[in-house]
């Protein structure tokens, strides 16, 4: 099983494709956390004004 895992992750196609996917996931998680934070701030502001 370990050999199979290494073969999957040592192919050139994975090294070409994975950085873009990792960047997209990072940006998406960052955007979602910012949106959640802004949503909470706006909700608190709305109820305190």
N, C-alpha and C. Protein backbone atom coordinates (compact mmCIF):
# COMPACT_ATOMS: atom_id res chain seq x y z
N UNK A 1 0.84 -1.21 0.00
CA UNK A 1 0.00 0.00 0.00
C UNK A 1 0.87 1.25 0.00
N UNK A 2 1.97 1.21 0.75
CA UNK A 2 2.86 2.38 0.80
C UNK A 2 3.48 2.64 -0.57
N UNK A 3 3.85 1.56 -1.28
CA UNK A 3 4.42 1.73 -2.61
C UNK A 3 3.41 2.36 -3.56
N UNK A 4 2.18 1.92 -3.47
CA UNK A 4 1.13 2.48 -4.32
C UNK A 4 0.94 3.96 -4.04
N UNK A 5 0.97 4.35 -2.76
CA UNK A 5 0.83 5.75 -2.37
C UNK A 5 1.97 6.59 -2.93
N UNK A 6 3.20 6.06 -2.87
CA UNK A 6 4.36 6.79 -3.39
C UNK A 6 4.27 6.95 -4.90
N UNK A 7 3.81 5.93 -5.59
CA UNK A 7 3.69 6.01 -7.04
C UNK A 7 2.70 7.10 -7.45
N UNK A 8 1.62 7.23 -6.70
CA UNK A 8 0.62 8.25 -7.01
C UNK A 8 1.23 9.64 -6.84
N UNK A 9 2.00 9.83 -5.77
CA UNK A 9 2.47 11.17 -5.44
C UNK A 9 3.83 11.53 -6.03
N UNK A 10 4.43 10.62 -6.78
CA UNK A 10 5.71 10.95 -7.41
C UNK A 10 5.56 11.11 -8.91
N UNK A 11 4.36 11.02 -9.44
CA UNK A 11 4.18 11.21 -10.88
C UNK A 11 4.29 12.70 -11.22
N UNK A 12 4.86 13.04 -12.37
CA UNK A 12 5.04 14.46 -12.74
C UNK A 12 3.73 15.22 -12.81
N UNK A 13 2.65 14.56 -13.23
CA UNK A 13 1.36 15.24 -13.36
C UNK A 13 0.88 15.75 -12.00
N UNK A 14 1.11 14.99 -10.95
CA UNK A 14 0.70 15.43 -9.61
C UNK A 14 1.48 16.66 -9.19
N UNK A 15 2.77 16.68 -9.50
CA UNK A 15 3.58 17.83 -9.09
C UNK A 15 3.22 19.07 -9.89
N UNK A 16 2.75 18.86 -11.12
CA UNK A 16 2.33 20.01 -11.93
C UNK A 16 0.98 20.53 -11.45
N UNK A 17 0.06 19.63 -11.14
CA UNK A 17 -1.30 20.04 -10.82
C UNK A 17 -1.53 20.44 -9.38
N UNK A 18 -0.78 19.85 -8.44
CA UNK A 18 -1.11 20.05 -7.04
C UNK A 18 -0.86 21.46 -6.51
N UNK A 19 0.19 22.19 -6.91
CA UNK A 19 0.37 23.53 -6.34
C UNK A 19 -0.83 24.45 -6.60
N UNK A 20 -1.39 24.39 -7.80
CA UNK A 20 -2.55 25.22 -8.10
C UNK A 20 -3.75 24.86 -7.24
N UNK A 21 -3.95 23.57 -7.04
CA UNK A 21 -5.07 23.13 -6.20
C UNK A 21 -4.85 23.53 -4.75
N UNK A 22 -3.61 23.43 -4.28
CA UNK A 22 -3.32 23.83 -2.90
C UNK A 22 -3.53 25.33 -2.73
N UNK A 23 -3.08 26.12 -3.71
CA UNK A 23 -3.28 27.56 -3.64
C UNK A 23 -4.77 27.90 -3.65
N UNK A 24 -5.53 27.24 -4.50
CA UNK A 24 -6.97 27.49 -4.57
C UNK A 24 -7.65 27.14 -3.26
N UNK A 25 -7.26 26.04 -2.66
CA UNK A 25 -7.85 25.65 -1.38
C UNK A 25 -7.48 26.65 -0.29
N UNK A 26 -6.23 27.13 -0.32
CA UNK A 26 -5.79 28.11 0.68
C UNK A 26 -6.56 29.41 0.53
N UNK A 27 -6.69 29.89 -0.70
CA UNK A 27 -7.42 31.14 -0.95
C UNK A 27 -8.89 30.98 -0.58
N UNK A 28 -9.47 29.83 -0.91
CA UNK A 28 -10.88 29.60 -0.59
C UNK A 28 -11.11 29.57 0.92
N UNK A 29 -10.22 28.91 1.64
CA UNK A 29 -10.39 28.86 3.10
C UNK A 29 -10.18 30.23 3.72
N UNK A 30 -9.23 30.99 3.19
CA UNK A 30 -8.98 32.35 3.68
C UNK A 30 -10.19 33.23 3.41
N UNK A 31 -10.76 33.14 2.21
CA UNK A 31 -11.93 33.94 1.86
C UNK A 31 -13.14 33.57 2.72
N UNK A 32 -13.32 32.29 2.96
CA UNK A 32 -14.45 31.85 3.80
C UNK A 32 -14.29 32.33 5.23
N UNK A 33 -13.08 32.28 5.75
CA UNK A 33 -12.88 32.74 7.13
C UNK A 33 -13.09 34.25 7.23
N UNK A 34 -12.65 34.99 6.23
CA UNK A 34 -12.88 36.44 6.23
C UNK A 34 -14.38 36.75 6.11
N UNK A 35 -15.07 36.02 5.26
CA UNK A 35 -16.50 36.24 5.10
C UNK A 35 -17.25 35.92 6.40
N UNK A 36 -16.84 34.86 7.06
CA UNK A 36 -17.48 34.50 8.34
C UNK A 36 -17.21 35.58 9.38
N UNK A 37 -15.99 36.07 9.44
CA UNK A 37 -15.64 37.12 10.39
C UNK A 37 -16.44 38.38 10.12
N UNK A 38 -16.52 38.79 8.85
CA UNK A 38 -17.29 39.98 8.51
C UNK A 38 -18.77 39.79 8.81
N UNK A 39 -19.27 38.58 8.57
CA UNK A 39 -20.67 38.30 8.88
C UNK A 39 -20.96 38.45 10.36
N UNK A 40 -20.07 37.95 11.20
CA UNK A 40 -20.25 38.07 12.65
C UNK A 40 -20.16 39.53 13.07
N UNK A 41 -19.19 40.27 12.52
CA UNK A 41 -19.05 41.69 12.87
C UNK A 41 -20.30 42.46 12.47
N UNK A 42 -20.80 42.22 11.27
CA UNK A 42 -22.01 42.92 10.82
C UNK A 42 -23.22 42.53 11.66
N UNK A 43 -23.31 41.27 12.04
CA UNK A 43 -24.43 40.82 12.87
C UNK A 43 -24.39 41.49 14.24
N UNK A 44 -23.22 41.52 14.86
CA UNK A 44 -23.08 42.18 16.17
C UNK A 44 -23.37 43.67 16.04
N UNK A 45 -22.82 44.30 14.99
CA UNK A 45 -23.04 45.73 14.79
C UNK A 45 -24.52 46.03 14.59
N UNK A 46 -25.21 45.17 13.82
CA UNK A 46 -26.62 45.37 13.54
C UNK A 46 -27.46 45.32 14.82
N UNK A 47 -27.15 44.42 15.72
CA UNK A 47 -27.94 44.28 16.94
C UNK A 47 -27.55 45.27 18.03
N UNK A 48 -26.38 45.88 17.92
CA UNK A 48 -25.95 46.83 18.95
C UNK A 48 -26.21 48.28 18.58
N UNK A 49 -26.65 48.52 17.35
CA UNK A 49 -26.91 49.90 16.94
C UNK A 49 -28.37 50.22 17.15
